[in-house]
Amino acid sequence: MNDREVADYLLANPEFFADHAELLATIRLANPHGKAAVSLQERQMEMLRDKNKLLERRLAELLRYGHENDSISAKFNRWTARVMAERDPYALPRAISHGLRDVFDVPQTALRVWDVAEQYQQADFTRQVGEEVRLFAGSLATPYCGANTGFEAAQWLGPVVTAAPGEASDAVEAHNGTSSTSGANSTNGAGSDTIESISLIALRDPERDETGNVFGLLVMGSTDPRRFHDGMATDFLMQIGTLASAALSRLLPR
């Protein structure tokens, strides 16, 4: 009789140990944590403890994900309120991009739109938009997240400036705030880091069908190569794109 047959017999006859309870006290098993043998009951308790530890780790992980999602949701609501409160159409792109930078702690943000109504065509948020950017934005079915491999749109961001010794931090913050809309470069002697990871979100007119409805691109960049990576979930980024698109649609001709 081999091991498989013994196992099958015990599975088919669960009352075996009830009928032969004295065997439970005599069966000795190898201890996985040492050389001494342990009883069957002790081995079962050890297995239950290991299983409980695994379940505790999984529960802790689920709680951590839940707290992270709650935090992101709260930030999203704060950003949404800021966007909805902006009444000036000319200031709306800045409110969207700067709001993302401030609320979500994104080092650099930029936003460009095109095919806008005539009164907005000379605004800063319509400049530096080449045909390559438009074609790329039109190809984005979902947000792009990954390494900054030299995207033309990444040039809108400019470098992230860090304070030089003795330099006031508010000057650095002012520079980073300006570069998120104009792409200005550092000229103040402070250090700078390059954008390593990037997220690109196409903006779509909610009142038009899928054909030719892309009218803008939202860019977020970080010096951290893992801040935006190709394996990250994009649900919240898609929500950001949907809300930004709806808000900015007032700039389009009707």
Protein backbone atom coordinates (compact mmCIF):
# COMPACT_ATOMS: atom_id res chain seq x y z
CA MET A 1 0.00 0.00 0.00
CA ASN A 2 1.60 3.27 -1.10
CA ASP A 3 1.30 6.82 0.30
CA ARG A 4 -1.42 7.82 -2.15
CA GLU A 5 -3.58 4.84 -1.23
CA VAL A 6 -3.21 5.59 2.48
CA ALA A 7 -4.19 9.22 1.91
CA ASP A 8 -7.17 8.21 -0.22
CA TYR A 9 -8.32 5.75 2.43
CA LEU A 10 -8.18 8.35 5.21
CA LEU A 11 -10.04 10.88 3.06
CA ALA A 12 -12.71 8.30 2.26
CA ASN A 13 -13.00 7.26 5.92
CA PRO A 14 -12.95 10.44 8.04
CA GLU A 15 -14.24 8.47 11.04
CA PHE A 16 -11.02 6.40 11.19
CA PHE A 17 -9.31 8.55 13.84
CA ALA A 18 -12.57 8.87 15.78
CA ASP A 19 -12.66 5.09 16.01
CA HIS A 20 -8.95 4.89 16.80
CA ALA A 21 -8.35 8.01 18.90
CA GLU A 22 -5.49 6.36 20.74
CA LEU A 23 -3.40 6.55 17.58
CA LEU A 24 -3.41 10.36 17.62
CA ALA A 25 -1.30 10.41 20.76
CA THR A 26 1.23 7.92 19.41
CA ILE A 27 1.80 9.35 15.91
CA ARG A 28 5.00 11.41 15.83
CA LEU A 29 5.81 13.81 12.99
CA ALA A 30 8.96 15.67 12.02
CA ASN A 31 9.08 19.20 13.37
CA PRO A 32 9.59 21.66 10.47
CA HIS A 33 11.30 24.08 12.89
CA GLY A 34 13.70 21.64 14.51
CA LYS A 35 14.94 18.07 14.74
CA ALA A 36 12.64 16.87 17.53
CA ALA A 37 9.49 14.97 16.60
CA VAL A 38 6.07 16.37 17.52
CA SER A 39 2.66 14.81 17.92
CA LEU A 40 0.00 14.99 15.26
CA GLN A 41 -1.99 17.48 17.34
CA GLU A 42 1.07 19.71 17.73
CA ARG A 43 1.74 19.54 14.00
CA GLN A 44 -1.87 20.48 13.27
CA MET A 45 -1.61 23.42 15.63
CA GLU A 46 1.60 24.51 13.90
CA MET A 47 -0.12 24.35 10.53
CA LEU A 48 -3.05 26.38 11.85
CA ARG A 49 -0.70 29.01 13.23
CA ASP A 50 1.07 29.28 9.89
CA LYS A 51 -2.28 29.58 8.10
CA ASN A 52 -3.42 32.27 10.53
CA LYS A 53 -0.21 34.24 9.96
CA LEU A 54 -0.79 34.10 6.21
CA LEU A 55 -4.38 35.28 6.63
CA GLU A 56 -3.23 38.09 8.93
CA ARG A 57 -0.70 39.27 6.33
CA ARG A 58 -3.37 39.23 3.63
CA LEU A 59 -5.80 41.15 5.85
CA ALA A 60 -3.11 43.74 6.65
CA GLU A 61 -2.41 44.12 2.94
CA LEU A 62 -6.11 44.61 2.17
CA LEU A 63 -6.38 47.21 4.92
CA ARG A 64 -3.34 49.02 3.55
CA TYR A 65 -4.86 49.09 0.06
CA GLY A 66 -8.12 50.34 1.53
CA HIS A 67 -6.38 53.19 3.38
CA GLU A 68 -4.44 54.11 0.23
CA ASN A 69 -7.64 54.19 -1.85
CA ASP A 70 -9.38 56.31 0.79
CA SER A 71 -6.48 58.75 0.72
CA ILE A 72 -6.49 58.96 -3.09
CA SER A 73 -10.26 59.40 -3.11
CA ALA A 74 -10.05 62.25 -0.60
CA LYS A 75 -7.35 63.96 -2.69
CA PHE A 76 -9.41 63.48 -5.84
CA ASN A 77 -12.39 65.17 -4.17
CA ARG A 78 -10.20 68.11 -3.07
CA TRP A 79 -8.85 68.52 -6.58
CA THR A 80 -12.35 68.25 -8.09
CA ALA A 81 -13.66 70.98 -5.79
CA ARG A 82 -10.76 73.26 -6.80
CA VAL A 83 -11.45 72.72 -10.50
CA MET A 84 -15.19 73.31 -10.12
CA ALA A 85 -14.56 76.51 -8.16
CA GLU A 86 -12.49 78.08 -10.97
CA ARG A 87 -14.78 80.43 -12.90
CA ASP A 88 -12.24 82.03 -15.24
CA PRO A 89 -11.85 79.93 -18.43
CA TYR A 90 -8.35 81.33 -19.02
CA ALA A 91 -7.25 80.21 -15.54
CA LEU A 92 -8.89 76.78 -15.74
CA PRO A 93 -5.96 74.86 -17.34
CA ARG A 94 -3.64 76.25 -14.68
CA ALA A 95 -6.10 75.32 -11.93
CA ILE A 96 -6.25 71.76 -13.23
CA SER A 97 -2.51 71.22 -13.63
CA HIS A 98 -1.42 73.11 -10.52
CA GLY A 99 -4.15 71.44 -8.52
CA LEU A 100 -2.75 68.03 -9.43
CA ARG A 101 0.73 69.15 -8.46
CA ASP A 102 -0.38 70.55 -5.11
CA VAL A 103 -2.97 67.97 -4.06
CA PHE A 104 -1.27 64.82 -5.35
CA ASP A 105 2.33 65.98 -4.76
CA VAL A 106 3.29 65.56 -8.41
CA PRO A 107 6.64 67.34 -9.03
CA GLN A 108 5.72 68.62 -12.50
CA THR A 109 2.49 69.02 -14.46
CA ALA A 110 1.55 70.61 -17.75
CA LEU A 111 -1.54 70.83 -19.91
CA ARG A 112 -2.11 71.83 -23.52
CA VAL A 113 -5.31 72.05 -25.58
CA TRP A 114 -5.96 72.68 -29.26
CA ASP A 115 -8.84 73.41 -31.65
CA VAL A 116 -10.21 75.82 -29.05
CA ALA A 117 -12.60 78.71 -29.65
CA GLU A 118 -11.08 81.79 -31.32
CA GLN A 119 -10.84 83.89 -28.15
CA TYR A 120 -8.52 81.30 -26.53
CA GLN A 121 -6.23 80.56 -29.48
CA GLN A 122 -3.41 82.85 -28.31
CA ALA A 123 -3.43 81.67 -24.70
CA ASP A 124 -0.34 80.02 -23.20
CA PHE A 125 -2.10 76.69 -22.84
CA THR A 126 -2.44 76.35 -26.63
CA ARG A 127 1.28 76.78 -27.48
CA GLN A 128 4.03 74.28 -28.29
CA VAL A 129 1.60 71.70 -29.65
CA GLY A 130 3.03 69.89 -32.67
CA GLU A 131 1.33 67.45 -35.00
CA GLU A 132 3.23 64.57 -33.43
CA VAL A 133 1.71 65.39 -30.04
CA ARG A 134 -1.79 65.51 -31.50
CA LEU A 135 -1.37 62.17 -33.23
CA PHE A 136 0.03 60.55 -30.11
CA ALA A 137 -2.76 61.93 -27.92
CA GLY A 138 -5.32 60.62 -30.38
CA SER A 139 -3.84 57.12 -30.10
CA LEU A 140 -4.18 56.96 -26.30
CA ALA A 141 -7.13 54.76 -25.40
CA THR A 142 -5.92 54.73 -21.78
CA PRO A 143 -3.39 56.88 -19.90
CA TYR A 144 0.25 56.17 -20.67
CA CYS A 145 2.40 55.54 -17.62
CA GLY A 146 6.07 54.68 -17.85
CA ALA A 147 9.56 55.90 -18.53
CA ASN A 148 10.15 59.28 -20.11
CA THR A 149 11.68 58.17 -23.39
CA GLY A 150 11.91 61.64 -24.91
CA PHE A 151 8.25 62.49 -25.50
CA GLU A 152 7.76 65.87 -27.13
CA ALA A 153 5.12 66.68 -24.52
CA ALA A 154 7.67 66.11 -21.74
CA GLN A 155 9.42 69.29 -22.88
CA TRP A 156 6.46 71.25 -21.55
CA LEU A 157 7.47 70.26 -18.02
CA GLY A 158 10.98 71.63 -17.71
CA PRO A 159 13.41 70.48 -14.98
CA VAL A 160 12.47 69.97 -11.36
CA VAL A 161 14.50 72.50 -9.38
CA THR A 162 15.94 71.77 -5.94
CA ALA A 163 17.15 74.46 -3.57
CA ALA A 164 20.81 75.43 -3.55
CA PRO A 165 22.47 75.96 -0.14
CA GLY A 166 21.09 79.12 1.44
CA GLU A 167 18.36 79.57 -1.16
CA ALA A 168 14.83 80.25 0.03
CA SER A 169 12.50 77.34 -0.62
CA ASP A 170 9.68 79.63 -1.75
CA ALA A 171 11.81 80.73 -4.71
CA VAL A 172 12.20 77.13 -5.79
CA GLU A 173 8.48 76.49 -5.40
CA ALA A 174 7.75 79.55 -7.50
CA HIS A 175 10.03 78.26 -10.24
CA ASN A 176 8.49 74.80 -10.28
CA GLY A 177 5.06 76.35 -10.35
CA THR A 178 5.96 78.44 -13.41
CA SER A 179 7.56 75.57 -15.28
CA SER A 180 4.44 73.46 -15.00
CA THR A 181 2.72 75.76 -17.48
CA SER A 182 5.48 77.41 -19.44
CA GLY A 183 8.31 74.89 -19.39
CA ALA A 184 10.83 77.50 -18.22
CA ASN A 185 14.34 76.31 -17.45
CA SER A 186 16.36 76.93 -14.31
CA THR A 187 18.57 79.99 -14.27
CA ASN A 188 18.95 80.52 -10.53
CA GLY A 189 21.92 78.28 -9.75
CA ALA A 190 19.88 75.63 -7.96
CA GLY A 191 20.27 71.96 -8.76
CA SER A 192 17.79 70.21 -11.07
CA ASP A 193 16.68 66.65 -11.70
CA THR A 194 15.41 65.21 -14.93
CA ILE A 195 11.95 63.77 -15.37
CA GLU A 196 12.35 59.98 -15.26
CA SER A 197 8.74 58.77 -15.31
CA ILE A 198 5.70 60.31 -16.90
CA SER A 199 1.95 59.99 -17.25
CA LEU A 200 0.14 61.21 -20.36
CA ILE A 201 -3.65 61.54 -20.35
CA ALA A 202 -5.61 62.41 -23.48
CA LEU A 203 -8.43 64.93 -23.06
CA ARG A 204 -11.61 64.11 -24.97
CA ASP A 205 -14.65 66.20 -25.77
CA PRO A 206 -17.52 64.50 -23.89
CA GLU A 207 -20.06 65.81 -26.42
CA ARG A 208 -18.42 64.22 -29.48
CA ASP A 209 -17.99 60.62 -30.56
CA GLU A 210 -14.68 58.76 -30.41
CA THR A 211 -13.55 59.92 -33.86
CA GLY A 212 -11.43 63.05 -33.62
CA ASN A 213 -12.66 64.02 -30.16
CA VAL A 214 -9.20 64.46 -28.56
CA PHE A 215 -8.51 68.14 -27.95
CA GLY A 216 -5.75 68.16 -25.35
CA LEU A 217 -3.09 66.36 -23.36
CA LEU A 218 -2.42 66.37 -19.63
CA VAL A 219 1.16 65.57 -18.59
CA MET A 220 2.50 64.63 -15.17
CA GLY A 221 6.17 63.94 -14.53
CA SER A 222 8.39 62.81 -11.68
CA THR A 223 12.09 62.37 -11.00
CA ASP A 224 11.21 59.02 -9.40
CA PRO A 225 11.39 56.27 -12.08
CA ARG A 226 8.70 54.29 -10.22
CA ARG A 227 6.20 57.10 -9.63
CA PHE A 228 4.54 56.36 -12.97
CA HIS A 229 5.22 52.83 -14.20
CA ASP A 230 3.68 50.60 -16.85
CA GLY A 231 2.17 48.20 -14.32
CA MET A 232 0.28 50.75 -12.23
CA ALA A 233 -3.51 50.96 -12.08
CA THR A 234 -4.95 53.83 -14.11
CA ASP A 235 -8.51 54.02 -12.76
CA PHE A 236 -7.99 57.30 -10.92
CA LEU A 237 -5.97 58.73 -13.81
CA MET A 238 -8.86 57.98 -16.15
CA GLN A 239 -11.23 59.75 -13.73
CA ILE A 240 -8.88 62.73 -13.67
CA GLY A 241 -8.88 62.79 -17.47
CA THR A 242 -12.68 62.56 -17.65
CA LEU A 243 -13.24 65.43 -15.21
CA ALA A 244 -10.52 67.62 -16.74
CA SER A 245 -11.98 67.02 -20.20
CA ALA A 246 -15.48 67.96 -19.07
CA ALA A 247 -14.23 71.15 -17.38
CA LEU A 248 -12.05 72.22 -20.34
CA SER A 249 -14.73 71.53 -22.93
CA ARG A 250 -16.00 75.08 -22.29
CA LEU A 251 -12.94 76.29 -24.22
CA LEU A 252 -14.07 74.54 -27.41
CA PRO A 253 -16.16 76.21 -30.14
CA ARG A 254 -19.85 75.31 -30.03
